[in-house]
Protein backbone atom coordinates (compact mmCIF):
# COMPACT_ATOMS: atom_id res chain seq x y z
CA UNK A 1 -3.80 -60.67 -49.47
CA UNK A 2 -0.67 -62.77 -48.56
CA UNK A 3 1.12 -60.83 -51.29
CA UNK A 4 0.21 -57.50 -49.62
CA UNK A 5 1.08 -58.98 -46.11
CA UNK A 6 4.51 -60.00 -47.40
CA UNK A 7 5.14 -56.69 -49.08
CA UNK A 8 4.38 -55.16 -45.58
CA UNK A 9 6.79 -57.46 -43.92
CA UNK A 10 9.44 -56.81 -46.56
CA UNK A 11 9.17 -52.85 -46.02
CA UNK A 12 9.46 -53.50 -42.08
CA UNK A 13 12.54 -55.48 -42.77
CA UNK A 14 14.14 -52.53 -44.60
CA UNK A 15 13.07 -49.88 -42.19
CA UNK A 16 14.19 -51.64 -38.73
CA UNK A 17 17.22 -53.21 -37.45
CA UNK A 18 17.73 -57.07 -38.16
CA UNK A 19 17.56 -58.02 -34.55
CA UNK A 20 14.53 -55.99 -34.00
CA UNK A 21 13.00 -57.45 -36.95
CA UNK A 22 13.60 -61.12 -35.93
CA UNK A 23 12.69 -60.73 -32.28
CA UNK A 24 9.36 -58.51 -32.64
CA UNK A 25 8.00 -58.75 -36.17
CA UNK A 26 8.69 -62.25 -37.52
CA UNK A 27 6.83 -63.86 -34.80
CA UNK A 28 3.34 -62.23 -35.58
CA UNK A 29 0.68 -63.45 -37.54
CA UNK A 30 -0.70 -61.03 -39.98
CA UNK A 31 -3.97 -60.87 -42.01
CA UNK A 32 -5.68 -58.20 -43.83
CA UNK A 33 -9.52 -57.42 -43.59
CA UNK A 34 -11.41 -54.77 -44.96
CA UNK A 35 -8.13 -52.89 -46.30
CA UNK A 36 -6.75 -52.89 -42.47
CA UNK A 37 -3.94 -55.06 -41.16
CA UNK A 38 -4.41 -57.16 -38.07
CA UNK A 39 -1.12 -58.34 -36.37
CA UNK A 40 -1.36 -61.02 -33.62
CA UNK A 41 1.55 -61.48 -31.18
CA UNK A 42 2.19 -64.68 -29.46
CA UNK A 43 2.45 -63.08 -26.07
CA UNK A 44 0.61 -60.07 -24.37
CA UNK A 45 3.88 -58.20 -23.41
CA UNK A 46 4.79 -58.32 -27.15
CA UNK A 47 1.62 -56.81 -28.37
CA UNK A 48 2.17 -54.19 -25.53
CA UNK A 49 5.54 -53.17 -26.63
CA UNK A 50 4.81 -53.10 -30.16
CA UNK A 51 1.75 -50.83 -29.45
CA UNK A 52 3.85 -48.38 -27.64
CA UNK A 53 7.44 -48.52 -29.67
CA UNK A 54 6.58 -49.41 -33.00
CA UNK A 55 3.06 -48.38 -34.07
CA UNK A 56 3.94 -45.29 -35.99
CA UNK A 57 6.60 -47.64 -38.02
CA UNK A 58 3.82 -50.22 -38.84
CA UNK A 59 1.24 -47.78 -39.64
CA UNK A 60 3.66 -46.10 -42.04
CA UNK A 61 4.50 -49.51 -43.78
CA UNK A 62 1.03 -50.60 -43.95
CA UNK A 63 -0.37 -47.30 -45.53
CA UNK A 64 2.28 -47.40 -48.16
CA UNK A 65 0.97 -50.71 -49.54
CA UNK A 66 -3.09 -50.37 -48.57
CA UNK A 67 -3.42 -46.62 -48.64
CA UNK A 68 -3.83 -43.95 -46.40
CA UNK A 69 -7.09 -45.09 -44.66
CA UNK A 70 -5.62 -48.31 -43.49
CA UNK A 71 -5.40 -48.88 -39.98
CA UNK A 72 -3.12 -51.29 -37.79
CA UNK A 73 -4.57 -53.51 -35.06
CA UNK A 74 -2.27 -55.18 -32.56
CA UNK A 75 -3.47 -58.18 -30.45
CA UNK A 76 -2.41 -61.03 -28.45
CA UNK A 77 -3.40 -64.58 -28.20
CA UNK A 78 -5.73 -64.65 -25.18
CA UNK A 79 -4.27 -67.54 -23.49
CA UNK A 80 -1.20 -65.85 -22.07
CA UNK A 81 -1.03 -63.45 -18.91
CA UNK A 82 -0.74 -59.78 -19.86
CA UNK A 83 2.23 -58.87 -17.54
CA UNK A 84 5.41 -57.95 -18.89
CA UNK A 85 8.26 -60.20 -17.01
CA UNK A 86 11.03 -58.08 -15.47
CA UNK A 87 13.54 -60.43 -17.36
CA UNK A 88 12.22 -59.42 -20.49
CA UNK A 89 12.41 -55.59 -19.94
CA UNK A 90 16.31 -56.08 -19.54
CA UNK A 91 17.14 -57.13 -23.13
CA UNK A 92 14.38 -54.84 -25.22
CA UNK A 93 16.61 -54.10 -28.18
CA UNK A 94 17.00 -50.45 -28.87
CA UNK A 95 15.56 -48.88 -31.92
CA UNK A 96 18.49 -47.38 -33.24
CA UNK A 97 18.13 -44.76 -36.32
CA UNK A 98 18.43 -46.16 -39.66
CA UNK A 99 19.15 -44.39 -42.69
CA UNK A 100 16.05 -44.59 -44.66
CA UNK A 101 15.81 -45.36 -48.31
CA UNK A 102 13.90 -43.19 -50.68
CA UNK A 103 11.33 -45.75 -51.46
CA UNK A 104 10.29 -45.58 -47.60
CA UNK A 105 9.42 -41.82 -47.65
CA UNK A 106 5.52 -41.27 -47.95
CA UNK A 107 5.58 -38.06 -49.56
CA UNK A 108 7.59 -35.66 -52.08
CA UNK A 109 7.63 -32.09 -53.11
CA UNK A 110 6.09 -33.11 -56.57
CA UNK A 111 2.82 -33.84 -55.10
CA UNK A 112 2.79 -30.84 -52.55
CA UNK A 113 0.49 -27.97 -53.76
CA UNK A 114 2.39 -24.44 -52.95
CA UNK A 115 0.32 -21.28 -52.22
CA UNK A 116 0.43 -18.30 -50.46
CA UNK A 117 -0.26 -20.29 -46.92
CA UNK A 118 2.89 -22.63 -47.24
CA UNK A 119 5.16 -20.74 -49.60
CA UNK A 120 7.90 -19.59 -46.93
CA UNK A 121 7.78 -23.07 -45.45
CA UNK A 122 8.36 -24.93 -48.73
CA UNK A 123 11.11 -22.42 -49.79
CA UNK A 124 12.91 -23.08 -46.59
CA UNK A 125 12.45 -26.92 -46.80
CA UNK A 126 13.62 -26.85 -50.35
CA UNK A 127 16.77 -24.93 -49.02
CA UNK A 128 17.66 -27.47 -46.30
CA UNK A 129 17.82 -29.95 -48.98
CA UNK A 130 20.51 -28.09 -50.82
CA UNK A 131 23.99 -28.84 -49.96
CA UNK A 132 24.88 -25.19 -50.21
CA UNK A 133 21.63 -23.72 -48.77
CA UNK A 134 21.82 -21.32 -46.10
CA UNK A 135 18.89 -22.40 -43.67
CA UNK A 136 20.47 -24.69 -40.83
CA UNK A 137 17.38 -24.65 -38.79
CA UNK A 138 13.92 -24.53 -39.65
CA UNK A 139 10.74 -24.59 -37.47
CA UNK A 140 7.29 -25.36 -38.98
CA UNK A 141 4.24 -24.57 -36.98
CA UNK A 142 0.83 -25.95 -38.47
CA UNK A 143 -2.10 -27.58 -37.19
CA UNK A 144 -3.16 -30.99 -38.03
CA UNK A 145 -3.80 -31.82 -41.75
CA UNK A 146 -1.97 -28.81 -43.11
CA UNK A 147 1.17 -30.37 -44.55
CA UNK A 148 3.94 -30.29 -42.01
CA UNK A 149 4.44 -33.95 -42.00
CA UNK A 150 4.20 -34.23 -45.90
CA UNK A 151 7.03 -31.14 -45.94
CA UNK A 152 9.09 -33.05 -43.47
CA UNK A 153 8.75 -36.13 -45.39
CA UNK A 154 9.57 -34.67 -48.80
CA UNK A 155 12.64 -33.22 -47.60
CA UNK A 156 13.90 -36.86 -46.52
CA UNK A 157 12.72 -38.04 -49.86
CA UNK A 158 14.64 -35.27 -51.76
CA UNK A 159 17.76 -35.89 -49.64
CA UNK A 160 18.11 -40.01 -50.21
CA UNK A 161 17.38 -39.28 -53.90
CA UNK A 162 20.80 -37.77 -53.96
CA UNK A 163 23.30 -39.94 -52.15
CA UNK A 164 26.18 -38.65 -49.95
CA UNK A 165 24.23 -37.36 -46.94
CA UNK A 166 22.62 -39.08 -43.72
CA UNK A 167 18.93 -38.17 -42.72
CA UNK A 168 16.62 -39.38 -40.21
CA UNK A 169 13.06 -38.74 -39.36
CA UNK A 170 11.69 -38.91 -35.64
CA UNK A 171 8.65 -37.90 -33.94
CA UNK A 172 9.32 -36.67 -30.46
CA UNK A 173 7.86 -39.90 -29.14
CA UNK A 174 9.93 -41.97 -31.12
CA UNK A 175 13.03 -39.99 -29.95
CA UNK A 176 11.58 -40.56 -26.29
CA UNK A 177 11.10 -44.33 -26.79
CA UNK A 178 14.52 -44.58 -27.96
CA UNK A 179 16.09 -42.68 -25.44
CA UNK A 180 14.62 -44.92 -22.99
CA UNK A 181 15.38 -48.12 -24.60
CA UNK A 182 19.20 -46.67 -24.61
CA UNK A 183 18.88 -45.90 -21.02
CA UNK A 184 17.64 -49.46 -19.87
CA UNK A 185 20.45 -50.86 -22.09
CA UNK A 186 23.42 -48.41 -20.76
CA UNK A 187 23.86 -47.25 -24.31
CA UNK A 188 22.88 -43.62 -24.15
CA UNK A 189 26.20 -42.22 -25.49
CA UNK A 190 25.78 -44.44 -28.36
CA UNK A 191 22.19 -43.45 -29.12
CA UNK A 192 23.27 -40.09 -28.93
CA UNK A 193 26.45 -40.49 -31.11
CA UNK A 194 24.53 -41.82 -34.08
CA UNK A 195 22.30 -38.91 -34.31
CA UNK A 196 24.98 -36.47 -33.77
CA UNK A 197 26.42 -37.68 -37.05
CA UNK A 198 23.60 -37.06 -38.99
CA UNK A 199 23.44 -34.50 -41.88
CA UNK A 200 19.79 -33.80 -41.62
CA UNK A 201 17.90 -34.35 -38.72
CA UNK A 202 13.75 -34.26 -39.20
CA UNK A 203 12.19 -33.69 -35.83
CA UNK A 204 8.43 -33.87 -35.56
CA UNK A 205 5.92 -32.61 -33.11
CA UNK A 206 8.28 -31.35 -30.68
CA UNK A 207 5.69 -30.24 -28.33
CA UNK A 208 5.74 -33.86 -27.08
CA UNK A 209 8.83 -33.05 -25.32
CA UNK A 210 7.40 -30.78 -22.62
CA UNK A 211 7.62 -32.08 -18.92
CA UNK A 212 10.46 -34.32 -19.97
CA UNK A 213 13.60 -32.53 -18.70
CA UNK A 214 16.07 -35.53 -19.15
CA UNK A 215 14.67 -36.18 -22.82
CA UNK A 216 14.99 -32.38 -23.55
CA UNK A 217 18.58 -32.30 -22.36
CA UNK A 218 19.51 -35.19 -24.65
CA UNK A 219 17.72 -33.68 -27.58
CA UNK A 220 19.39 -30.28 -27.06
CA UNK A 221 22.95 -32.05 -26.85
CA UNK A 222 21.83 -33.83 -30.08
CA UNK A 223 20.77 -30.77 -31.97
CA UNK A 224 23.82 -28.67 -30.93
CA UNK A 225 26.25 -31.44 -32.01
CA UNK A 226 24.44 -31.60 -35.70
CA UNK A 227 24.60 -27.74 -35.76
CA UNK A 228 28.08 -27.71 -34.90
CA UNK A 229 29.32 -29.93 -37.58
CA UNK A 230 27.35 -27.91 -40.23
CA UNK A 231 23.99 -30.21 -40.34
CA UNK A 232 20.40 -29.26 -40.57
CA UNK A 233 17.39 -29.55 -38.17
CA UNK A 234 13.83 -29.23 -39.18
CA UNK A 235 11.42 -29.15 -36.21
CA UNK A 236 7.65 -29.21 -36.67
CA UNK A 237 4.84 -28.65 -34.33
CA UNK A 238 1.06 -27.69 -33.57
CA UNK A 239 2.46 -24.93 -31.37
CA UNK A 240 4.81 -21.78 -31.88
CA UNK A 241 8.33 -21.81 -29.81
CA UNK A 242 6.62 -19.03 -27.43
CA UNK A 243 3.81 -21.04 -26.48
CA UNK A 244 6.03 -24.33 -25.30
CA UNK A 245 6.48 -23.04 -21.69
CA UNK A 246 7.52 -26.29 -20.23
CA UNK A 247 10.52 -26.96 -22.85
CA UNK A 248 14.00 -26.07 -21.73
CA UNK A 249 14.81 -22.54 -22.93
CA UNK A 250 17.97 -23.35 -24.56
CA UNK A 251 16.01 -25.87 -26.48
CA UNK A 252 13.43 -23.32 -27.39
CA UNK A 253 16.27 -20.92 -28.35
CA UNK A 254 17.45 -23.77 -30.71
CA UNK A 255 13.88 -23.89 -32.17
CA UNK A 256 14.15 -20.27 -32.68
CA UNK A 257 17.83 -19.97 -34.26
CA UNK A 258 16.84 -20.22 -37.68
CA UNK A 259 13.74 -19.67 -39.88
CA UNK A 260 10.44 -19.82 -38.12
CA UNK A 261 7.44 -20.24 -40.27
CA UNK A 262 3.72 -21.14 -40.19
CA UNK A 263 1.59 -22.95 -42.35
CA UNK A 264 -1.90 -21.65 -42.59
CA UNK A 265 -5.02 -23.04 -44.14
CA UNK A 266 -5.05 -23.21 -48.35
CA UNK A 267 -6.92 -20.50 -49.82
CA UNK A 268 -9.86 -21.06 -52.45
CA UNK A 269 -7.23 -21.33 -55.38
CA UNK A 270 -5.03 -23.71 -53.53
CA UNK A 271 -7.94 -25.89 -52.83
CA UNK A 272 -8.95 -26.14 -56.36
CA UNK A 273 -5.61 -27.21 -57.25
CA UNK A 274 -5.37 -29.68 -54.47
CA UNK A 275 -8.64 -31.29 -55.48
CA UNK A 276 -7.63 -31.45 -59.24
CA UNK A 277 -4.31 -33.11 -58.28
CA UNK A 278 -5.57 -35.67 -55.80
CA UNK A 279 -8.52 -36.86 -58.27
CA UNK A 280 -5.90 -36.99 -61.01
CA UNK A 281 -3.82 -39.41 -58.97
CA UNK A 282 -7.03 -41.33 -58.27
CA UNK A 283 -7.34 -41.65 -61.93
CA UNK A 284 -10.69 -39.45 -62.03
CA UNK A 285 -11.59 -36.50 -63.96
CA UNK A 286 -13.38 -33.73 -62.14
CA UNK A 287 -15.13 -30.73 -64.05
CA UNK A 288 -14.07 -27.10 -63.29
CA UNK A 289 -17.73 -26.83 -61.71
CA UNK A 290 -17.34 -29.62 -59.41
CA UNK A 291 -13.87 -28.53 -58.43
CA UNK A 292 -14.95 -24.95 -57.62
CA UNK A 293 -17.97 -26.19 -55.66
CA UNK A 294 -15.87 -28.50 -53.44
CA UNK A 295 -13.12 -25.69 -52.91
CA UNK A 296 -15.80 -23.19 -51.73
CA UNK A 297 -17.39 -25.65 -49.44
CA UNK A 298 -14.27 -27.46 -48.26
CA UNK A 299 -12.45 -24.81 -46.21
CA UNK A 300 -10.79 -26.49 -43.52
CA UNK A 301 -7.68 -28.77 -44.20
CA UNK A 302 -6.24 -30.94 -46.49
CA UNK A 303 -7.26 -34.29 -44.99
CA UNK A 304 -11.12 -32.76 -45.09
CA UNK A 305 -10.64 -32.20 -48.83
CA UNK A 306 -9.09 -35.62 -49.35
CA UNK A 307 -11.61 -37.48 -47.26
CA UNK A 308 -14.47 -35.83 -49.11
CA UNK A 309 -13.09 -36.23 -52.69
CA UNK A 310 -12.69 -40.03 -51.98
CA UNK A 311 -16.25 -40.05 -50.96
CA UNK A 312 -17.41 -38.34 -54.12
CA UNK A 313 -15.41 -40.60 -56.12
CA UNK A 314 -16.38 -43.85 -54.30
CA UNK A 315 -20.30 -42.73 -54.57
CA UNK A 316 -19.78 -42.13 -58.78
CA UNK A 317 -18.20 -45.67 -59.11
CA UNK A 318 -20.66 -47.21 -56.98
CA UNK A 319 -23.74 -45.71 -59.09
CA UNK A 320 -21.64 -46.01 -62.25
CA UNK A 321 -21.78 -42.50 -63.09
CA UNK A 322 -20.03 -39.00 -63.74
CA UNK A 323 -19.18 -37.02 -60.96
CA UNK A 324 -21.86 -33.87 -61.24
CA UNK A 325 -22.53 -31.06 -59.07
CA UNK A 326 -25.63 -32.66 -57.67
CA UNK A 327 -23.79 -35.77 -56.61
CA UNK A 328 -20.93 -33.65 -55.16
CA UNK A 329 -23.67 -31.59 -53.12
CA UNK A 330 -25.08 -34.75 -51.57
CA UNK A 331 -21.64 -35.97 -50.40
CA UNK A 332 -20.64 -32.18 -49.29
CA UNK A 333 -23.87 -32.51 -47.01
CA UNK A 334 -21.90 -34.49 -44.61
CA UNK A 335 -19.06 -31.94 -44.34
CA UNK A 336 -20.38 -28.71 -42.95
CA UNK A 337 -18.84 -25.55 -43.70
CA UNK A 338 -16.88 -23.67 -41.22
CA UNK A 339 -18.68 -21.26 -38.88
CA UNK A 340 -17.74 -19.37 -35.96
CA UNK A 341 -18.38 -20.79 -32.47
CA UNK A 342 -17.51 -19.83 -29.07
CA UNK A 343 -15.95 -21.81 -26.15
CA UNK A 344 -19.17 -22.04 -24.09
CA UNK A 345 -20.96 -23.52 -27.06
CA UNK A 346 -18.19 -26.12 -27.32
CA UNK A 347 -18.17 -27.11 -23.87
CA UNK A 348 -21.76 -27.79 -23.66
CA UNK A 349 -21.95 -29.94 -26.63
CA UNK A 350 -18.73 -32.06 -25.14
CA UNK A 351 -20.54 -32.27 -21.62
CA UNK A 352 -23.55 -33.63 -23.39
CA UNK A 353 -21.98 -36.05 -25.28
CA UNK A 354 -19.63 -37.27 -22.61
CA UNK A 355 -22.37 -37.28 -19.96
CA UNK A 356 -20.53 -34.81 -17.77
CA UNK A 357 -21.48 -31.64 -15.88
CA UNK A 358 -19.85 -28.30 -16.82
CA UNK A 359 -19.21 -27.05 -13.22
CA UNK A 360 -17.18 -30.40 -12.58
CA UNK A 361 -15.08 -29.43 -15.48
CA UNK A 362 -14.44 -26.12 -13.81
CA UNK A 363 -13.37 -27.72 -10.64
CA UNK A 364 -10.01 -29.01 -9.65
CA UNK A 365 -11.16 -32.34 -10.18
CA UNK A 366 -8.37 -34.89 -11.52
CA UNK A 367 -10.88 -37.82 -12.33
CA UNK A 368 -9.92 -39.27 -15.50
CA UNK A 369 -13.50 -38.55 -17.24
CA UNK A 370 -13.41 -35.01 -16.36
CA UNK A 371 -9.57 -34.49 -17.52
CA UNK A 372 -10.37 -36.26 -20.84
CA UNK A 373 -13.63 -33.70 -21.00
CA UNK A 374 -11.44 -30.58 -20.35
CA UNK A 375 -8.79 -31.63 -22.56
CA UNK A 376 -11.14 -32.34 -25.59
CA UNK A 377 -12.43 -28.77 -24.89
CA UNK A 378 -9.01 -27.44 -25.09
CA UNK A 379 -8.44 -29.36 -28.38
CA UNK A 380 -11.62 -28.15 -30.18
CA UNK A 381 -11.26 -24.53 -28.81
CA UNK A 382 -7.63 -24.52 -29.99
CA UNK A 383 -8.95 -25.80 -33.66
CA UNK A 384 -12.19 -23.88 -34.23
CA UNK A 385 -11.53 -20.67 -32.21
CA UNK A 386 -8.93 -17.73 -32.43
CA UNK A 387 -8.39 -18.00 -28.33
CA UNK A 388 -4.94 -17.99 -27.17
CA UNK A 389 -3.99 -20.80 -24.88
CA UNK A 390 -4.51 -18.58 -21.76
CA UNK A 391 -8.03 -17.55 -22.89
CA UNK A 392 -8.91 -21.15 -23.32
CA UNK A 393 -7.83 -22.10 -19.94
CA UNK A 394 -9.09 -19.15 -17.79
CA UNK A 395 -12.77 -20.40 -17.48
CA UNK A 396 -11.66 -23.70 -16.46
CA UNK A 397 -8.94 -22.13 -13.99
CA UNK A 398 -6.15 -23.83 -15.78
CA UNK A 399 -2.89 -22.18 -17.01
CA UNK A 400 -1.48 -21.84 -20.50
CA UNK A 401 0.65 -24.83 -19.99
CA UNK A 402 -2.10 -27.10 -18.57
CA UNK A 403 -4.04 -26.21 -21.73
CA UNK A 404 -0.93 -27.14 -23.82
CA UNK A 405 -0.28 -30.41 -22.11
CA UNK A 406 -4.04 -31.18 -22.45
CA UNK A 407 -4.31 -30.77 -26.34
CA UNK A 408 -0.88 -32.66 -26.79
CA UNK A 409 -2.43 -35.50 -24.67
CA UNK A 410 -5.65 -35.68 -27.00
CA UNK A 411 -3.32 -35.48 -30.10
CA UNK A 412 -1.24 -38.40 -28.64
CA UNK A 413 -4.39 -40.39 -28.13
CA UNK A 414 -5.78 -39.75 -31.66
CA UNK A 415 -2.44 -40.58 -33.06
CA UNK A 416 -2.01 -44.01 -31.20
CA UNK A 417 -5.68 -44.64 -32.10
CA UNK A 418 -5.86 -46.22 -28.67
CA UNK A 419 -9.28 -47.37 -27.38
CA UNK A 420 -9.48 -43.77 -25.60
CA UNK A 421 -8.15 -42.23 -28.90
CA UNK A 422 -11.23 -43.71 -30.98
CA UNK A 423 -13.66 -42.77 -28.31
CA UNK A 424 -12.41 -39.37 -28.29
CA UNK A 425 -12.50 -39.23 -32.29
CA UNK A 426 -16.26 -40.07 -32.01
CA UNK A 427 -16.66 -37.22 -29.50
CA UNK A 428 -14.96 -35.06 -31.88
CA UNK A 429 -17.05 -36.08 -35.03
CA UNK A 430 -20.19 -35.68 -32.99
CA UNK A 431 -19.68 -32.35 -31.60
CA UNK A 432 -18.37 -30.92 -34.99
CA UNK A 433 -21.41 -32.17 -36.65
CA UNK A 434 -23.92 -30.78 -34.20
CA UNK A 435 -21.93 -27.37 -33.94
CA UNK A 436 -21.98 -27.10 -37.70
CA UNK A 437 -18.23 -27.11 -37.78
CA UNK A 438 -15.82 -28.58 -40.57
CA UNK A 439 -15.53 -32.29 -40.22
CA UNK A 440 -12.37 -33.95 -40.60
CA UNK A 441 -10.56 -37.35 -40.56
CA UNK A 442 -9.56 -37.57 -36.84
CA UNK A 443 -5.84 -38.96 -37.15
CA UNK A 444 -2.45 -37.90 -35.97
CA UNK A 445 0.22 -35.11 -37.24
């Protein structure tokens, strides 16, 4: 356990600036319980700051050591008061971008299965990696679990394997956090200049920039500067550019200035290959019969496939038996096949599990429970129906932009794995199970 903790700390020291690591990471007490990491901060304001500013980095380094299912819990010693003193706010260190080394990238192209659903996106991403490539700007639109993060990380890995170009990977939330930190320390120009010099910027989940005009202005400035000196930018999002109504039109124009592509759900042949590759990486043999059985039933996304396969392998090891079709079927019973569902049915189930009245969700109420209930319905409808954002919002008297914002807020809570996020994840699982929908592991983009 201590060795694993030390390995995580070593990775964090490589990913973060020395000052950030010394002030925020070194004072933490770390322990591993049930395959996840618990970090205890000496003061509550440190725990709050780590949760809001460094959680994605902490999770990334932890999962490199403990595996993709590992979680990170940040807590504080109970004896301190939870407020964040004003004197502390003034010297919060900036999270300046650091050129990542190849060993810090979680994915690469070699373990990315290519098929009809993602062929264009992969080809464009590989072109970005080439010094003489023609793709300067790439926008990838995909739902969670279909590989957009894998693709971005693979580009970063490829570029750092061939020294000579600088690259940085940022989610829109990380970009926003760094901008705010630079604003507080009067270093906005320095922050922008460091990014402008990059050869390649990997910019994830850009829909999180909506309703943040100042940050959008800064992002546009950075993107234009990178493009002007011949650099490349890859944007990813759960939404197409035309759906982003509360993002500056010039920034949307930048999104659309190059290749626009979408990653769809993998077809059956792709799912077979994904299963075989993942089984091989787990050092387990899967027969063609079992592989085809899993591929026919698991028709949602890659996370669902991986979750089910891990469960099958775990059960086989526990029983010390081969992976047979009967054993696979027992596990598959927990992963219902996709089915059609309408908005009214989803709404009824969400209200049932949250103890809400559907009429209250149709009202103008801004009560938190009602907002969470509506947004959860929006999220499920986006995932399991073919309705447009406008059609999803109409029964609730909500505009397209409000629906988008609601879905984004759910994604944010799930990615942060906050207490609210964990509650939402449980409701999503229960609703999907009762509706006979494909169940997936709730997680971020």
